[in-house]
Amino acid sequence: MLRSSMPFAKALAAALLALSLPVVAQDSTALRTSALAATCASCHGTAGRAVNGASVPGLAGLPASYVVEQMKAFKVGTRPATVMHQLAKGYSDAQIDQIAAYFAVQKE
C-alpha cells in the first residue's frame, strides 16, 4: 500500500514546489531591493528615516521620480555632494529605480 502512494506523493511534492516558485522569485526580488536600500541606512537612517537633527535628509516617503532624478544628478556630477556622487556611480539605473521605489512606499 505504501509503495503505490509514493508516485502520488512525489507528484504532489513537485506540484507544490512548482506553485511556490513565483513566490520565491518575488521574495528574492524584495530581498535584493531591501538589501540595496539598506546600503543607504548609515547616512539616511533605517528604511530611509533619518534621525532628528541629521544633516542628511530622510528618504522615506519621497516620490520615486524625485529620488531617481537626484541620484542620477549625483551620478553624473551635476548635483554637488561630499560622497553621494561617488556612491551613486556604483548603482545601475535599474538599481536606482528599485531603491527609489522602495523609499517611496516607506512611511516617514
PDB file of N, CA and C in Angstrom:
ATOM      1  N   MET A   1       0.818  -1.184   0.000  1.00  0.00           N
ATOM      2  CA  MET A   1       0.000   0.000   0.000  1.00  0.00           C
ATOM      3  C   MET A   1       0.873   1.264   0.000  1.00  0.00           C
ATOM      4  N   LEU A   2       1.909   1.278   0.790  1.00  0.00           N
ATOM      5  CA  LEU A   2       2.784   2.436   0.892  1.00  0.00           C
ATOM      6  C   LEU A   2       3.502   2.708  -0.424  1.00  0.00           C
ATOM      7  N   ARG A   3       3.945   1.644  -1.095  1.00  0.00           N
ATOM      8  CA  ARG A   3       4.662   1.828  -2.360  1.00  0.00           C
ATOM      9  C   ARG A   3       3.781   2.425  -3.443  1.00  0.00           C
ATOM     10  N   SER A   4       2.513   2.085  -3.465  1.00  0.00           N
ATOM     11  CA  SER A   4       1.646   2.610  -4.509  1.00  0.00           C
ATOM     12  C   SER A   4       1.350   4.094  -4.302  1.00  0.00           C
ATOM     13  N   SER A   5       1.469   4.593  -3.098  1.00  0.00           N
ATOM     14  CA  SER A   5       1.214   6.011  -2.854  1.00  0.00           C
ATOM     15  C   SER A   5       2.452   6.877  -3.083  1.00  0.00           C
ATOM     16  N   MET A   6       3.625   6.280  -3.247  1.00  0.00           N
ATOM     17  CA  MET A   6       4.862   7.043  -3.453  1.00  0.00           C
ATOM     18  C   MET A   6       4.836   7.878  -4.723  1.00  0.00           C
ATOM     19  N   PRO A   7       4.416   7.349  -5.891  1.00  0.00           N
ATOM     20  CA  PRO A   7       4.377   8.209  -7.083  1.00  0.00           C
ATOM     21  C   PRO A   7       3.446   9.407  -6.893  1.00  0.00           C
ATOM     22  N   PHE A   8       2.323   9.179  -6.229  1.00  0.00           N
ATOM     23  CA  PHE A   8       1.399  10.285  -5.968  1.00  0.00           C
ATOM     24  C   PHE A   8       2.050  11.334  -5.069  1.00  0.00           C
ATOM     25  N   ALA A   9       2.744  10.893  -4.035  1.00  0.00           N
ATOM     26  CA  ALA A   9       3.406  11.813  -3.113  1.00  0.00           C
ATOM     27  C   ALA A   9       4.481  12.623  -3.828  1.00  0.00           C
ATOM     28  N   LYS A  10       5.225  11.963  -4.720  1.00  0.00           N
ATOM     29  CA  LYS A  10       6.259  12.678  -5.473  1.00  0.00           C
ATOM     30  C   LYS A  10       5.636  13.699  -6.414  1.00  0.00           C
ATOM     31  N   ALA A  11       4.541  13.311  -7.065  1.00  0.00           N
ATOM     32  CA  ALA A  11       3.865  14.229  -7.981  1.00  0.00           C
ATOM     33  C   ALA A  11       3.284  15.409  -7.217  1.00  0.00           C
ATOM     34  N   LEU A  12       2.722  15.146  -6.061  1.00  0.00           N
ATOM     35  CA  LEU A  12       2.166  16.216  -5.232  1.00  0.00           C
ATOM     36  C   LEU A  12       3.269  17.175  -4.777  1.00  0.00           C
ATOM     37  N   ALA A  13       4.396  16.630  -4.355  1.00  0.00           N
ATOM     38  CA  ALA A  13       5.520  17.459  -3.928  1.00  0.00           C
ATOM     39  C   ALA A  13       6.033  18.318  -5.076  1.00  0.00           C
ATOM     40  N   ALA A  14       6.126  17.748  -6.259  1.00  0.00           N
ATOM     41  CA  ALA A  14       6.589  18.501  -7.424  1.00  0.00           C
ATOM     42  C   ALA A  14       5.613  19.617  -7.775  1.00  0.00           C
ATOM     43  N   ALA A  15       4.313  19.335  -7.694  1.00  0.00           N
ATOM     44  CA  ALA A  15       3.302  20.347  -8.000  1.00  0.00           C
ATOM     45  C   ALA A  15       3.362  21.487  -6.989  1.00  0.00           C
ATOM     46  N   LEU A  16       3.502  21.160  -5.723  1.00  0.00           N
ATOM     47  CA  LEU A  16       3.591  22.192  -4.700  1.00  0.00           C
ATOM     48  C   LEU A  16       4.836  23.052  -4.878  1.00  0.00           C
ATOM     49  N   LEU A  17       5.939  22.435  -5.237  1.00  0.00           N
ATOM     50  CA  LEU A  17       7.171  23.183  -5.483  1.00  0.00           C
ATOM     51  C   LEU A  17       6.996  24.130  -6.659  1.00  0.00           C
ATOM     52  N   ALA A  18       6.385  23.646  -7.730  1.00  0.00           N
ATOM     53  CA  ALA A  18       6.176  24.476  -8.917  1.00  0.00           C
ATOM     54  C   ALA A  18       5.274  25.667  -8.597  1.00  0.00           C
ATOM     55  N   LEU A  19       4.266  25.461  -7.774  1.00  0.00           N
ATOM     56  CA  LEU A  19       3.376  26.556  -7.405  1.00  0.00           C
ATOM     57  C   LEU A  19       4.071  27.589  -6.527  1.00  0.00           C
ATOM     58  N   SER A  20       5.056  27.181  -5.778  1.00  0.00           N
ATOM     59  CA  SER A  20       5.722  28.113  -4.867  1.00  0.00           C
ATOM     60  C   SER A  20       6.836  28.905  -5.537  1.00  0.00           C
ATOM     61  N   LEU A  21       7.273  28.530  -6.721  1.00  0.00           N
ATOM     62  CA  LEU A  21       8.390  29.220  -7.376  1.00  0.00           C
ATOM     63  C   LEU A  21       8.130  30.703  -7.622  1.00  0.00           C
ATOM     64  N   PRO A  22       6.942  31.120  -8.097  1.00  0.00           N
ATOM     65  CA  PRO A  22       6.734  32.568  -8.259  1.00  0.00           C
ATOM     66  C   PRO A  22       6.850  33.321  -6.943  1.00  0.00           C
ATOM     67  N   VAL A  23       6.408  32.734  -5.844  1.00  0.00           N
ATOM     68  CA  VAL A  23       6.516  33.375  -4.537  1.00  0.00           C
ATOM     69  C   VAL A  23       7.973  33.514  -4.148  1.00  0.00           C
ATOM     70  N   VAL A  24       8.758  32.489  -4.375  1.00  0.00           N
ATOM     71  CA  VAL A  24      10.187  32.540  -4.071  1.00  0.00           C
ATOM     72  C   VAL A  24      10.850  33.627  -4.904  1.00  0.00           C
ATOM     73  N   ALA A  25      10.490  33.727  -6.176  1.00  0.00           N
ATOM     74  CA  ALA A  25      11.070  34.754  -7.043  1.00  0.00           C
ATOM     75  C   ALA A  25      10.705  36.148  -6.540  1.00  0.00           C
ATOM     76  N   GLN A  26       9.446  36.356  -6.125  1.00  0.00           N
ATOM     77  CA  GLN A  26       9.042  37.652  -5.599  1.00  0.00           C
ATOM     78  C   GLN A  26       9.792  37.957  -4.311  1.00  0.00           C
ATOM     79  N   ASP A  27       9.915  36.972  -3.447  1.00  0.00           N
ATOM     80  CA  ASP A  27      10.618  37.191  -2.191  1.00  0.00           C
ATOM     81  C   ASP A  27      12.080  37.529  -2.425  1.00  0.00           C
ATOM     82  N   SER A  28      12.723  36.887  -3.400  1.00  0.00           N
ATOM     83  CA  SER A  28      14.130  37.180  -3.656  1.00  0.00           C
ATOM     84  C   SER A  28      14.297  38.574  -4.246  1.00  0.00           C
ATOM     85  N   THR A  29      13.356  39.017  -5.065  1.00  0.00           N
ATOM     86  CA  THR A  29      13.414  40.374  -5.608  1.00  0.00           C
ATOM     87  C   THR A  29      13.237  41.388  -4.489  1.00  0.00           C
ATOM     88  N   ALA A  30      12.275  41.154  -3.619  1.00  0.00           N
ATOM     89  CA  ALA A  30      12.061  42.057  -2.487  1.00  0.00           C
ATOM     90  C   ALA A  30      13.278  42.080  -1.576  1.00  0.00           C
ATOM     91  N   LEU A  31      13.887  40.940  -1.389  1.00  0.00           N
ATOM     92  CA  LEU A  31      15.082  40.857  -0.542  1.00  0.00           C
ATOM     93  C   LEU A  31      16.239  41.642  -1.161  1.00  0.00           C
ATOM     94  N   ARG A  32      16.438  41.492  -2.469  1.00  0.00           N
ATOM     95  CA  ARG A  32      17.507  42.247  -3.144  1.00  0.00           C
ATOM     96  C   ARG A  32      17.243  43.755  -3.059  1.00  0.00           C
ATOM     97  N   THR A  33      15.994  44.151  -3.230  1.00  0.00           N
ATOM     98  CA  THR A  33      15.648  45.575  -3.176  1.00  0.00           C
ATOM     99  C   THR A  33      15.873  46.136  -1.781  1.00  0.00           C
ATOM    100  N   SER A  34      15.444  45.414  -0.752  1.00  0.00           N
ATOM    101  CA  SER A  34      15.660  45.924   0.605  1.00  0.00           C
ATOM    102  C   SER A  34      17.144  45.921   0.966  1.00  0.00           C
ATOM    103  N   ALA A  35      17.906  44.979   0.406  1.00  0.00           N
ATOM    104  CA  ALA A  35      19.356  44.974   0.638  1.00  0.00           C
ATOM    105  C   ALA A  35      20.008  46.191  -0.029  1.00  0.00           C
ATOM    106  N   LEU A  36      19.552  46.537  -1.221  1.00  0.00           N
ATOM    107  CA  LEU A  36      20.067  47.744  -1.884  1.00  0.00           C
ATOM    108  C   LEU A  36      19.748  48.981  -1.046  1.00  0.00           C
ATOM    109  N   ALA A  37      18.518  49.076  -0.588  1.00  0.00           N
ATOM    110  CA  ALA A  37      18.102  50.234   0.203  1.00  0.00           C
ATOM    111  C   ALA A  37      18.838  50.292   1.534  1.00  0.00           C
ATOM    112  N   ALA A  38      19.195  49.148   2.072  1.00  0.00           N
ATOM    113  CA  ALA A  38      19.906  49.112   3.351  1.00  0.00           C
ATOM    114  C   ALA A  38      21.283  49.756   3.246  1.00  0.00           C
ATOM    115  N   THR A  39      21.835  49.831   2.045  1.00  0.00           N
ATOM    116  CA  THR A  39      23.140  50.475   1.883  1.00  0.00           C
ATOM    117  C   THR A  39      23.064  51.977   2.167  1.00  0.00           C
ATOM    118  N   CYS A  40      21.861  52.510   2.191  1.00  0.00           N
ATOM    119  CA  CYS A  40      21.660  53.941   2.453  1.00  0.00           C
ATOM    120  C   CYS A  40      21.464  54.237   3.936  1.00  0.00           C
ATOM    121  N   ALA A  41      21.271  53.187   4.736  1.00  0.00           N
ATOM    122  CA  ALA A  41      20.871  53.352   6.135  1.00  0.00           C
ATOM    123  C   ALA A  41      21.897  54.076   6.996  1.00  0.00           C
ATOM    124  N   SER A  42      23.170  53.888   6.743  1.00  0.00           N
ATOM    125  CA  SER A  42      24.157  54.505   7.634  1.00  0.00           C
ATOM    126  C   SER A  42      24.089  56.029   7.602  1.00  0.00           C
ATOM    127  N   CYS A  43      23.646  56.607   6.511  1.00  0.00           N
ATOM    128  CA  CYS A  43      23.520  58.064   6.432  1.00  0.00           C
ATOM    129  C   CYS A  43      22.072  58.533   6.516  1.00  0.00           C
ATOM    130  N   HIS A  44      21.165  57.822   5.848  1.00  0.00           N
ATOM    131  CA  HIS A  44      19.777  58.271   5.725  1.00  0.00           C
ATOM    132  C   HIS A  44      18.831  57.587   6.695  1.00  0.00           C
ATOM    133  N   GLY A  45      19.334  56.707   7.545  1.00  0.00           N
ATOM    134  CA  GLY A  45      18.510  56.049   8.542  1.00  0.00           C
ATOM    135  C   GLY A  45      17.877  54.761   8.042  1.00  0.00           C
ATOM    136  N   THR A  46      17.502  53.933   8.989  1.00  0.00           N
ATOM    137  CA  THR A  46      16.857  52.667   8.669  1.00  0.00           C
ATOM    138  C   THR A  46      15.552  52.937   7.928  1.00  0.00           C
ATOM    139  N   ALA A  47      15.359  52.260   6.819  1.00  0.00           N
ATOM    140  CA  ALA A  47      14.181  52.432   5.954  1.00  0.00           C
ATOM    141  C   ALA A  47      14.008  53.878   5.514  1.00  0.00           C
ATOM    142  N   GLY A  48      15.113  54.614   5.459  1.00  0.00           N
ATOM    143  CA  GLY A  48      15.072  55.990   4.969  1.00  0.00           C
ATOM    144  C   GLY A  48      14.573  57.003   5.963  1.00  0.00           C
ATOM    145  N   ARG A  49      14.466  56.620   7.226  1.00  0.00           N
ATOM    146  CA  ARG A  49      14.003  57.545   8.268  1.00  0.00           C
ATOM    147  C   ARG A  49      15.218  58.122   8.996  1.00  0.00           C
ATOM    148  N   ALA A  50      15.610  59.313   8.592  1.00  0.00           N
ATOM    149  CA  ALA A  50      16.787  59.949   9.192  1.00  0.00           C
ATOM    150  C   ALA A  50      16.500  60.306  10.647  1.00  0.00           C
ATOM    151  N   VAL A  51      17.550  60.309  11.428  1.00  0.00           N
ATOM    152  CA  VAL A  51      17.451  60.692  12.835  1.00  0.00           C
ATOM    153  C   VAL A  51      17.179  62.190  12.901  1.00  0.00           C
ATOM    154  N   ASN A  52      16.335  62.599  13.849  1.00  0.00           N
ATOM    155  CA  ASN A  52      16.055  64.034  14.018  1.00  0.00           C
ATOM    156  C   ASN A  52      17.359  64.801  14.185  1.00  0.00           C
ATOM    157  N   GLY A  53      17.467  65.893  13.465  1.00  0.00           N
ATOM    158  CA  GLY A  53      18.650  66.732  13.549  1.00  0.00           C
ATOM    159  C   GLY A  53      19.798  66.284  12.658  1.00  0.00           C
ATOM    160  N   ALA A  54      19.598  65.228  11.888  1.00  0.00           N
ATOM    161  CA  ALA A  54      20.653  64.738  10.995  1.00  0.00           C
ATOM    162  C   ALA A  54      20.899  65.757   9.881  1.00  0.00           C
ATOM    163  N   SER A  55      22.122  65.796   9.407  1.00  0.00           N
ATOM    164  CA  SER A  55      22.448  66.740   8.340  1.00  0.00           C
ATOM    165  C   SER A  55      22.051  66.226   6.956  1.00  0.00           C
ATOM    166  N   VAL A  56      21.705  64.960   6.875  1.00  0.00           N
ATOM    167  CA  VAL A  56      21.247  64.395   5.597  1.00  0.00           C
ATOM    168  C   VAL A  56      19.743  64.160   5.679  1.00  0.00           C
ATOM    169  N   PRO A  57      19.050  64.272   4.556  1.00  0.00           N
ATOM    170  CA  PRO A  57      17.590  64.117   4.601  1.00  0.00           C
ATOM    171  C   PRO A  57      17.164  62.656   4.713  1.00  0.00           C
ATOM    172  N   GLY A  58      15.977  62.472   5.255  1.00  0.00           N
ATOM    173  CA  GLY A  58      15.360  61.154   5.218  1.00  0.00           C
ATOM    174  C   GLY A  58      14.851  60.905   3.806  1.00  0.00           C
ATOM    175  N   LEU A  59      14.777  59.665   3.419  1.00  0.00           N
ATOM    176  CA  LEU A  59      14.316  59.318   2.079  1.00  0.00           C
ATOM    177  C   LEU A  59      12.924  58.699   2.085  1.00  0.00           C
ATOM    178  N   ALA A  60      12.471  58.269   3.247  1.00  0.00           N
ATOM    179  CA  ALA A  60      11.175  57.606   3.351  1.00  0.00           C
ATOM    180  C   ALA A  60      10.057  58.537   2.896  1.00  0.00           C
ATOM    181  N   GLY A  61       9.216  58.022   2.008  1.00  0.00           N
ATOM    182  CA  GLY A  61       8.060  58.765   1.536  1.00  0.00           C
ATOM    183  C   GLY A  61       8.319  59.753   0.422  1.00  0.00           C
ATOM    184  N   LEU A  62       9.570  59.929   0.029  1.00  0.00           N
ATOM    185  CA  LEU A  62       9.848  60.841  -1.081  1.00  0.00           C
ATOM    186  C   LEU A  62       9.352  60.205  -2.383  1.00  0.00           C
ATOM    187  N   PRO A  63       8.853  61.017  -3.311  1.00  0.00           N
ATOM    188  CA  PRO A  63       8.418  60.455  -4.592  1.00  0.00           C
ATOM    189  C   PRO A  63       9.579  59.762  -5.309  1.00  0.00           C
ATOM    190  N   ALA A  64       9.308  58.615  -5.873  1.00  0.00           N
ATOM    191  CA  ALA A  64      10.347  57.841  -6.564  1.00  0.00           C
ATOM    192  C   ALA A  64      11.002  58.668  -7.664  1.00  0.00           C
ATOM    193  N   SER A  65      10.213  59.439  -8.401  1.00  0.00           N
ATOM    194  CA  SER A  65      10.775  60.233  -9.503  1.00  0.00           C
ATOM    195  C   SER A  65      11.794  61.248  -8.988  1.00  0.00           C
ATOM    196  N   TYR A  66      11.542  61.809  -7.818  1.00  0.00           N
ATOM    197  CA  TYR A  66      12.471  62.772  -7.235  1.00  0.00           C
ATOM    198  C   TYR A  66      13.781  62.093  -6.834  1.00  0.00           C
ATOM    199  N   VAL A  67      13.683  60.933  -6.201  1.00  0.00           N
ATOM    200  CA  VAL A  67      14.887  60.204  -5.779  1.00  0.00           C
ATOM    201  C   VAL A  67      15.700  59.796  -7.006  1.00  0.00           C
ATOM    202  N   VAL A  68      15.026  59.311  -8.041  1.00  0.00           N
ATOM    203  CA  VAL A  68      15.731  58.927  -9.273  1.00  0.00           C
ATOM    204  C   VAL A  68      16.443  60.136  -9.870  1.00  0.00           C
ATOM    205  N   GLU A  69      15.742  61.242  -9.949  1.00  0.00           N
ATOM    206  CA  GLU A  69      16.322  62.468 -10.512  1.00  0.00           C
ATOM    207  C   GLU A  69      17.566  62.906  -9.735  1.00  0.00           C
ATOM    208  N   GLN A  70      17.486  62.879  -8.411  1.00  0.00           N
ATOM    209  CA  GLN A  70      18.605  63.310  -7.590  1.00  0.00           C
ATOM    210  C   GLN A  70      19.778  62.336  -7.684  1.00  0.00           C
ATOM    211  N   MET A  71      19.478  61.036  -7.655  1.00  0.00           N
ATOM    212  CA  MET A  71      20.549  60.031  -7.761  1.00  0.00           C
ATOM    213  C   MET A  71      21.269  60.142  -9.102  1.00  0.00           C
ATOM    214  N   LYS A  72      20.526  60.357 -10.161  1.00  0.00           N
ATOM    215  CA  LYS A  72      21.158  60.488 -11.481  1.00  0.00           C
ATOM    216  C   LYS A  72      21.978  61.768 -11.559  1.00  0.00           C
ATOM    217  N   ALA A  73      21.514  62.831 -10.894  1.00  0.00           N
ATOM    218  CA  ALA A  73      22.289  64.082 -10.852  1.00  0.00           C
ATOM    219  C   ALA A  73      23.590  63.880 -10.078  1.00  0.00           C
ATOM    220  N   PHE A  74      23.523  63.146  -8.975  1.00  0.00           N
ATOM    221  CA  PHE A  74      24.754  62.810  -8.251  1.00  0.00           C
ATOM    222  C   PHE A  74      25.681  61.994  -9.137  1.00  0.00           C
ATOM    223  N   LYS A  75      25.103  61.020  -9.828  1.00  0.00           N
ATOM    224  CA  LYS A  75      25.877  60.073 -10.636  1.00  0.00           C
ATOM    225  C   LYS A  75      26.676  60.770 -11.734  1.00  0.00           C
ATOM    226  N   VAL A  76      26.059  61.754 -12.379  1.00  0.00           N
ATOM    227  CA  VAL A  76      26.754  62.447 -13.472  1.00  0.00           C
ATOM    228  C   VAL A  76      27.502  63.694 -12.999  1.00  0.00           C
ATOM    229  N   GLY A  77      27.339  64.039 -11.712  1.00  0.00           N
ATOM    230  CA  GLY A  77      28.096  65.157 -11.160  1.00  0.00           C
ATOM    231  C   GLY A  77      27.445  66.509 -11.282  1.00  0.00           C
ATOM    232  N   THR A  78      26.172  66.573 -11.690  1.00  0.00           N
ATOM    233  CA  THR A  78      25.511  67.877 -11.803  1.00  0.00           C
ATOM    234  C   THR A  78      24.942  68.365 -10.476  1.00  0.00           C
ATOM    235  N   ARG A  79      24.827  67.482  -9.501  1.00  0.00           N
ATOM    236  CA  ARG A  79      24.441  67.907  -8.149  1.00  0.00           C
ATOM    237  C   ARG A  79      25.653  67.752  -7.252  1.00  0.00           C
ATOM    238  N   PRO A  80      26.083  68.834  -6.601  1.00  0.00           N
ATOM    239  CA  PRO A  80      27.258  68.760  -5.741  1.00  0.00           C
ATOM    240  C   PRO A  80      27.007  67.871  -4.513  1.00  0.00           C
ATOM    241  N   ALA A  81      28.056  67.226  -4.076  1.00  0.00           N
ATOM    242  CA  ALA A  81      27.934  66.337  -2.919  1.00  0.00           C
ATOM    243  C   ALA A  81      29.302  66.092  -2.314  1.00  0.00           C
ATOM    244  N   THR A  82      29.290  65.597  -1.091  1.00  0.00           N
ATOM    245  CA  THR A  82      30.551  65.206  -0.470  1.00  0.00           C
ATOM    246  C   THR A  82      30.898  63.768  -0.839  1.00  0.00           C
ATOM    247  N   VAL A  83      29.945  62.863  -0.691  1.00  0.00           N
ATOM    248  CA  VAL A  83      30.204  61.453  -1.036  1.00  0.00           C
ATOM    249  C   VAL A  83      29.167  60.852  -1.981  1.00  0.00           C
ATOM    250  N   MET A  84      27.971  61.456  -2.061  1.00  0.00           N
ATOM    251  CA  MET A  84      26.907  60.845  -2.864  1.00  0.00           C
ATOM    252  C   MET A  84      27.278  60.694  -4.333  1.00  0.00           C
ATOM    253  N   HIS A  85      28.044  61.602  -4.868  1.00  0.00           N
ATOM    254  CA  HIS A  85      28.421  61.475  -6.280  1.00  0.00           C
ATOM    255  C   HIS A  85      29.261  60.223  -6.502  1.00  0.00           C
ATOM    256  N   GLN A  86      30.066  59.856  -5.515  1.00  0.00           N
ATOM    257  CA  GLN A  86      30.872  58.630  -5.627  1.00  0.00           C
ATOM    258  C   GLN A  86      29.997  57.400  -5.434  1.00  0.00           C
ATOM    259  N   LEU A  87      29.101  57.441  -4.463  1.00  0.00           N
ATOM    260  CA  LEU A  87      28.235  56.298  -4.193  1.00  0.00           C
ATOM    261  C   LEU A  87      27.272  56.037  -5.343  1.00  0.00           C
ATOM    262  N   ALA A  88      26.694  57.097  -5.886  1.00  0.00           N
ATOM    263  CA  ALA A  88      25.697  56.944  -6.953  1.00  0.00           C
ATOM    264  C   ALA A  88      26.280  56.275  -8.187  1.00  0.00           C
ATOM    265  N   LYS A  89      27.547  56.495  -8.445  1.00  0.00           N
ATOM    266  CA  LYS A  89      28.181  55.864  -9.604  1.00  0.00           C
ATOM    267  C   LYS A  89      28.213  54.347  -9.497  1.00  0.00           C
ATOM    268  N   GLY A  90      28.070  53.818  -8.296  1.00  0.00           N
ATOM    269  CA  GLY A  90      28.100  52.375  -8.091  1.00  0.00           C
ATOM    270  C   GLY A  90      26.786  51.670  -8.372  1.00  0.00           C
ATOM    271  N   TYR A  91      25.732  52.423  -8.668  1.00  0.00           N
ATOM    272  CA  TYR A  91      24.421  51.833  -8.922  1.00  0.00           C
ATOM    273  C   TYR A  91      24.057  51.933 -10.398  1.00  0.00           C
ATOM    274  N   SER A  92      23.458  50.876 -10.908  1.00  0.00           N
ATOM    275  CA  SER A  92      22.919  50.922 -12.271  1.00  0.00           C
ATOM    276  C   SER A  92      21.618  51.724 -12.237  1.00  0.00           C
ATOM    277  N   ASP A  93      21.138  52.127 -13.400  1.00  0.00           N
ATOM    278  CA  ASP A  93      19.870  52.851 -13.458  1.00  0.00           C
ATOM    279  C   ASP A  93      18.730  51.990 -12.912  1.00  0.00           C
ATOM    280  N   ALA A  94      18.762  50.696 -13.179  1.00  0.00           N
ATOM    281  CA  ALA A  94      17.725  49.786 -12.673  1.00  0.00           C
ATOM    282  C   ALA A  94      17.771  49.721 -11.143  1.00  0.00           C
ATOM    283  N   GLN A  95      18.964  49.696 -10.578  1.00  0.00           N
ATOM    284  CA  GLN A  95      19.087  49.674  -9.118  1.00  0.00           C
ATOM    285  C   GLN A  95      18.602  50.981  -8.510  1.00  0.00           C
ATOM    286  N   ILE A  96      18.898  52.087  -9.152  1.00  0.00           N
ATOM    287  CA  ILE A  96      18.407  53.385  -8.679  1.00  0.00           C
ATOM    288  C   ILE A  96      16.882  53.393  -8.688  1.00  0.00           C
ATOM    289  N   ASP A  97      16.287  52.873  -9.752  1.00  0.00           N
ATOM    290  CA  ASP A  97      14.824  52.792  -9.820  1.00  0.00           C
ATOM    291  C   ASP A  97      14.267  51.940  -8.684  1.00  0.00           C
ATOM    292  N   GLN A  98      14.927  50.817  -8.389  1.00  0.00           N
ATOM    293  CA  GLN A  98      14.475  49.934  -7.312  1.00  0.00           C
ATOM    294  C   GLN A  98      14.574  50.632  -5.955  1.00  0.00           C
ATOM    295  N   ILE A  99      15.682  51.286  -5.712  1.00  0.00           N
ATOM    296  CA  ILE A  99      15.880  51.994  -4.445  1.00  0.00           C
ATOM    297  C   ILE A  99      14.825  53.087  -4.285  1.00  0.00           C
ATOM    298  N   ALA A 100      14.605  53.848  -5.347  1.00  0.00           N
ATOM    299  CA  ALA A 100      13.623  54.937  -5.302  1.00  0.00           C
ATOM    300  C   ALA A 100      12.223  54.411  -5.022  1.00  0.00           C
ATOM    301  N   ALA A 101      11.864  53.322  -5.665  1.00  0.00           N
ATOM    302  CA  ALA A 101      10.541  52.727  -5.446  1.00  0.00           C
ATOM    303  C   ALA A 101      10.404  52.233  -4.015  1.00  0.00           C
ATOM    304  N   TYR A 102      11.463  51.666  -3.469  1.00  0.00           N
ATOM    305  CA  TYR A 102      11.456  51.172  -2.100  1.00  0.00           C
ATOM    306  C   TYR A 102      11.185  52.320  -1.122  1.00  0.00           C
ATOM    307  N   PHE A 103      11.947  53.403  -1.248  1.00  0.00           N
ATOM    308  CA  PHE A 103      11.786  54.513  -0.313  1.00  0.00           C
ATOM    309  C   PHE A 103      10.461  55.235  -0.484  1.00  0.00           C
ATOM    310  N   ALA A 104       9.939  55.259  -1.691  1.00  0.00           N
ATOM    311  CA  ALA A 104       8.666  55.953  -1.945  1.00  0.00           C
ATOM    312  C   ALA A 104       7.514  55.353  -1.136  1.00  0.00           C
ATOM    313  N   VAL A 105       7.567  54.057  -0.861  1.00  0.00           N
ATOM    314  CA  VAL A 105       6.461  53.414  -0.140  1.00  0.00           C
ATOM    315  C   VAL A 105       6.719  53.283   1.366  1.00  0.00           C
ATOM    316  N   GLN A 106       7.870  53.745   1.819  1.00  0.00           N
ATOM    317  CA  GLN A 106       8.160  53.699   3.253  1.00  0.00           C
ATOM    318  C   GLN A 106       7.441  54.846   3.954  1.00  0.00           C
ATOM    319  N   LYS A 107       6.960  54.585   5.136  1.00  0.00           N
ATOM    320  CA  LYS A 107       6.299  55.636   5.930  1.00  0.00           C
ATOM    321  C   LYS A 107       7.360  56.500   6.591  1.00  0.00           C
ATOM    322  N   GLU A 108       7.104  57.797   6.598  1.00  0.00           N
ATOM    323  CA  GLU A 108       8.060  58.741   7.193  1.00  0.00           C
ATOM    324  C   GLU A 108       8.217  58.543   8.677  1.00  0.00           C
TER     325      GLU A 108
END
